[in-house]
Amino acid sequence: MSAVPLPPLPPAPEEGFRPGGRSIADIVDREHQQLLALLDQLTGPDTTPQEGLAVLTAALSRHLSAEEQYLLPAARAALPNADERVDAEINADAALLGVLKGLTDETLTEVAARVRRHVEGVGALVAELRAVATAEELIRLGNRLEIAEEAAPTRPHPGTPATPPWNRIVEPAVGVVDKVRDAVTRRPTYLADLPEPPRG
């Protein structure tokens, strides 16, 4: 295991242990591609995006929440001089959530531009993190990220805390409320809920 100062994780049972799961870098890269593919679908000429807008809102809300809980703190801890870049991404996430909160056909273009900037900025951090962290660390962080995404809000809440430890406490609680509302209104929240899920 490297000496990369990542956020606290449970100790591995034994030296050389390789946990099951996917790397946080692979998960984030794939989700970025899926989000871009969904945006391409929703901004295409022959689209009726109402159902897609709900899924985009939920997918982005979950994605940003989990990144702020695990990816961005890991980048801040592991990469030299990353503080300003991480802070910029957190501020950009808050702005994106603010626009997403009132997402309509008219604001979709702005959301798409902000998501593309997000993919570029966070993608660069992911590439650097991949270079300095061990495979084990990336997998363990990936496991945490996936758990955080399942508990995350499905609607934008720009006013909630964006950094640990508070976001890891508040966002799952907000997520429970969102999921109850989703169930009551039968709102689609996953890519698989769409008639033609985007491939990424």
Protein backbone atom coordinates (compact mmCIF):
# COMPACT_ATOMS: atom_id res chain seq x y z
CA MET A 1 0.00 0.00 0.00
CA SER A 2 1.33 3.44 -0.88
CA ALA A 3 1.86 6.29 1.52
CA VAL A 4 -0.78 8.39 -0.24
CA PRO A 5 -2.68 10.19 2.54
CA LEU A 6 -6.20 9.24 1.49
CA PRO A 7 -9.27 9.74 3.68
CA PRO A 8 -9.72 7.19 6.49
CA LEU A 9 -10.66 3.73 5.27
CA PRO A 10 -11.14 0.50 7.21
CA PRO A 11 -7.84 -1.38 7.56
CA ALA A 12 -7.26 -4.17 5.07
CA PRO A 13 -7.40 -7.62 6.72
CA GLU A 14 -3.89 -8.60 5.66
CA GLU A 15 -0.91 -7.39 3.66
CA GLY A 16 -1.44 -7.80 -0.07
CA PHE A 17 -5.22 -8.01 0.30
CA ARG A 18 -7.05 -6.85 -2.82
CA PRO A 19 -10.65 -5.85 -2.14
CA GLY A 20 -13.43 -6.64 -4.54
CA GLY A 21 -15.04 -3.83 -6.49
CA ARG A 22 -14.22 -1.21 -9.08
CA SER A 23 -11.72 1.61 -9.00
CA ILE A 24 -13.11 5.04 -8.16
CA ALA A 25 -11.33 6.34 -11.25
CA ASP A 26 -13.07 3.81 -13.52
CA ILE A 27 -16.48 4.49 -11.94
CA VAL A 28 -16.19 8.27 -12.29
CA ASP A 29 -14.88 8.07 -15.85
CA ARG A 30 -17.78 5.79 -16.86
CA GLU A 31 -20.38 7.98 -15.18
CA HIS A 32 -18.98 11.04 -16.92
CA GLN A 33 -19.35 9.31 -20.28
CA GLN A 34 -22.91 8.26 -19.44
CA LEU A 35 -23.86 11.79 -18.39
CA LEU A 36 -22.42 13.23 -21.60
CA ALA A 37 -24.25 10.61 -23.67
CA LEU A 38 -27.52 11.43 -21.88
CA LEU A 39 -27.00 15.14 -22.53
CA ASP A 40 -26.38 14.39 -26.21
CA GLN A 41 -29.70 12.50 -26.28
CA LEU A 42 -31.60 15.27 -24.51
CA THR A 43 -30.21 18.09 -26.64
CA GLY A 44 -30.64 16.24 -29.95
CA PRO A 45 -33.16 17.38 -32.59
CA ASP A 46 -35.71 14.57 -32.11
CA THR A 47 -36.04 14.46 -28.36
CA THR A 48 -38.91 14.84 -25.91
CA PRO A 49 -36.83 15.24 -22.78
CA GLN A 50 -39.31 15.46 -19.87
CA GLU A 51 -38.61 11.95 -18.53
CA GLY A 52 -34.94 12.38 -19.40
CA LEU A 53 -34.74 15.64 -17.44
CA ALA A 54 -35.85 13.87 -14.25
CA VAL A 55 -33.25 11.12 -14.76
CA LEU A 56 -30.52 13.67 -15.57
CA THR A 57 -31.36 15.62 -12.41
CA ALA A 58 -31.25 12.50 -10.23
CA ALA A 59 -28.10 11.07 -11.83
CA LEU A 60 -26.21 14.35 -11.54
CA SER A 61 -27.37 14.94 -7.96
CA ARG A 62 -26.15 11.48 -6.90
CA HIS A 63 -22.91 11.80 -8.87
CA LEU A 64 -21.91 15.20 -7.48
CA SER A 65 -22.82 14.21 -3.92
CA ALA A 66 -20.66 11.06 -4.00
CA GLU A 67 -17.72 12.85 -5.64
CA GLU A 68 -17.78 15.53 -2.94
CA GLN A 69 -17.88 12.88 -0.21
CA TYR A 70 -14.98 10.72 -1.45
CA LEU A 71 -13.28 11.69 -4.73
CA LEU A 72 -12.58 15.36 -4.06
CA PRO A 73 -11.31 14.81 -0.48
CA ALA A 74 -9.02 12.05 -1.80
CA ALA A 75 -7.67 14.37 -4.50
CA ARG A 76 -7.15 17.14 -1.95
CA ALA A 77 -5.21 14.81 0.36
CA ALA A 78 -3.18 12.94 -2.26
CA LEU A 79 -2.28 15.55 -4.87
CA PRO A 80 0.17 18.37 -4.18
CA ASN A 81 -1.27 21.88 -4.56
CA ALA A 82 -4.76 20.55 -5.32
CA ASP A 83 -6.64 22.67 -2.77
CA GLU A 84 -7.52 25.51 -5.13
CA ARG A 85 -8.62 23.13 -7.90
CA VAL A 86 -10.79 21.10 -5.51
CA ASP A 87 -12.34 24.28 -4.09
CA ALA A 88 -13.06 25.45 -7.64
CA GLU A 89 -14.80 22.15 -8.43
CA ILE A 90 -16.90 22.36 -5.25
CA ASN A 91 -17.95 25.92 -6.17
CA ALA A 92 -18.72 24.82 -9.73
CA ASP A 93 -20.78 21.90 -8.38
CA ALA A 94 -22.83 24.31 -6.24
CA ALA A 95 -23.48 26.51 -9.28
CA LEU A 96 -24.44 23.46 -11.37
CA LEU A 97 -26.85 22.26 -8.67
CA GLY A 98 -28.38 25.73 -8.55
CA VAL A 99 -29.14 25.64 -12.29
CA LEU A 100 -30.21 21.99 -12.07
CA LYS A 101 -32.76 22.88 -9.39
CA GLY A 102 -34.80 24.76 -11.98
CA LEU A 103 -33.98 22.51 -14.93
CA THR A 104 -36.18 23.09 -17.98
CA ASP A 105 -35.79 22.66 -21.71
CA GLU A 106 -34.56 26.28 -21.77
CA THR A 107 -31.82 25.81 -19.14
CA LEU A 108 -30.67 22.43 -20.47
CA THR A 109 -28.01 24.06 -22.69
CA GLU A 110 -26.45 25.80 -19.67
CA VAL A 111 -26.53 22.58 -17.64
CA ALA A 112 -24.87 20.72 -20.53
CA ALA A 113 -22.07 23.32 -20.73
CA ARG A 114 -21.51 23.14 -16.96
CA VAL A 115 -21.44 19.33 -17.01
CA ARG A 116 -18.84 19.36 -19.80
CA ARG A 117 -16.66 21.72 -17.75
CA HIS A 118 -17.16 19.43 -14.74
CA VAL A 119 -16.08 16.36 -16.71
CA GLU A 120 -12.95 18.16 -17.90
CA GLY A 121 -11.94 19.52 -14.47
CA VAL A 122 -12.72 16.43 -12.40
CA GLY A 123 -11.38 14.16 -15.14
CA ALA A 124 -7.98 15.81 -14.78
CA LEU A 125 -8.02 15.23 -11.01
CA VAL A 126 -9.03 11.59 -11.55
CA ALA A 127 -6.14 11.02 -13.96
CA GLU A 128 -3.67 12.44 -11.44
CA LEU A 129 -5.16 10.44 -8.57
CA ARG A 130 -4.92 7.28 -10.65
CA ALA A 131 -1.19 7.94 -11.06
CA VAL A 132 -0.40 8.30 -7.34
CA ALA A 133 -2.80 5.93 -5.55
CA THR A 134 -2.50 2.16 -5.43
CA ALA A 135 -5.04 -0.12 -7.11
CA GLU A 136 -6.23 -1.20 -3.65
CA GLU A 137 -6.83 2.39 -2.53
CA LEU A 138 -8.72 3.21 -5.72
CA ILE A 139 -10.95 0.14 -5.32
CA ARG A 140 -11.67 0.84 -1.67
CA LEU A 141 -12.56 4.43 -2.53
CA GLY A 142 -14.70 3.13 -5.39
CA ASN A 143 -16.65 0.96 -2.97
CA ARG A 144 -17.25 3.97 -0.72
CA LEU A 145 -18.32 6.10 -3.69
CA GLU A 146 -20.89 3.52 -4.85
CA ILE A 147 -22.39 3.24 -1.36
CA ALA A 148 -22.54 7.04 -1.10
CA GLU A 149 -24.30 7.29 -4.47
CA GLU A 150 -27.03 4.87 -3.44
CA ALA A 151 -27.72 6.95 -0.30
CA ALA A 152 -27.34 10.33 -2.01
CA PRO A 153 -30.12 12.82 -2.79
CA THR A 154 -31.89 12.49 -6.13
CA ARG A 155 -32.68 16.19 -6.30
CA PRO A 156 -30.30 19.16 -6.17
CA HIS A 157 -29.81 20.69 -2.72
CA PRO A 158 -27.21 23.42 -3.29
CA GLY A 159 -27.41 24.59 0.34
CA THR A 160 -26.28 21.31 1.94
CA PRO A 161 -22.67 20.93 3.16
CA ALA A 162 -20.21 20.07 0.38
CA THR A 163 -17.25 18.80 2.42
CA PRO A 164 -16.69 16.00 4.97
CA PRO A 165 -17.68 15.21 7.60
CA TRP A 166 -20.98 17.09 7.37
CA ASN A 167 -21.92 16.10 3.83
CA ARG A 168 -21.51 12.42 4.75
CA ILE A 169 -24.05 12.94 7.54
CA VAL A 170 -26.54 15.34 5.95
CA GLU A 171 -26.78 14.04 2.38
CA PRO A 172 -27.96 10.48 3.21
CA ALA A 173 -30.70 11.97 5.41
CA VAL A 174 -31.80 14.30 2.60
CA GLY A 175 -31.58 11.35 0.22
CA VAL A 176 -34.15 9.40 2.24
CA VAL A 177 -36.66 12.24 1.86
CA ASP A 178 -35.97 12.49 -1.88
CA LYS A 179 -36.45 8.75 -2.36
CA VAL A 180 -39.81 8.81 -0.56
CA ARG A 181 -40.94 11.63 -2.87
CA ASP A 182 -39.67 9.67 -5.88
CA ALA A 183 -41.62 6.58 -4.83
CA VAL A 184 -44.84 8.54 -4.23
CA THR A 185 -44.64 10.37 -7.57
CA ARG A 186 -43.17 7.39 -9.48
CA ARG A 187 -40.41 9.64 -10.72
CA PRO A 188 -37.72 7.92 -12.83
CA THR A 189 -34.25 8.40 -11.35
CA TYR A 190 -31.94 5.88 -13.06
CA LEU A 191 -30.59 5.67 -16.60
CA ALA A 192 -32.16 2.22 -16.85
CA ASP A 193 -35.58 3.83 -16.34
CA LEU A 194 -35.33 5.53 -19.74
CA PRO A 195 -36.78 3.88 -22.87
CA GLU A 196 -33.33 4.14 -24.48
CA PRO A 197 -30.65 4.32 -21.77
CA PRO A 198 -27.48 6.08 -22.97
CA ARG A 199 -24.35 4.03 -23.35
CA GLY A 200 -21.15 5.26 -21.87
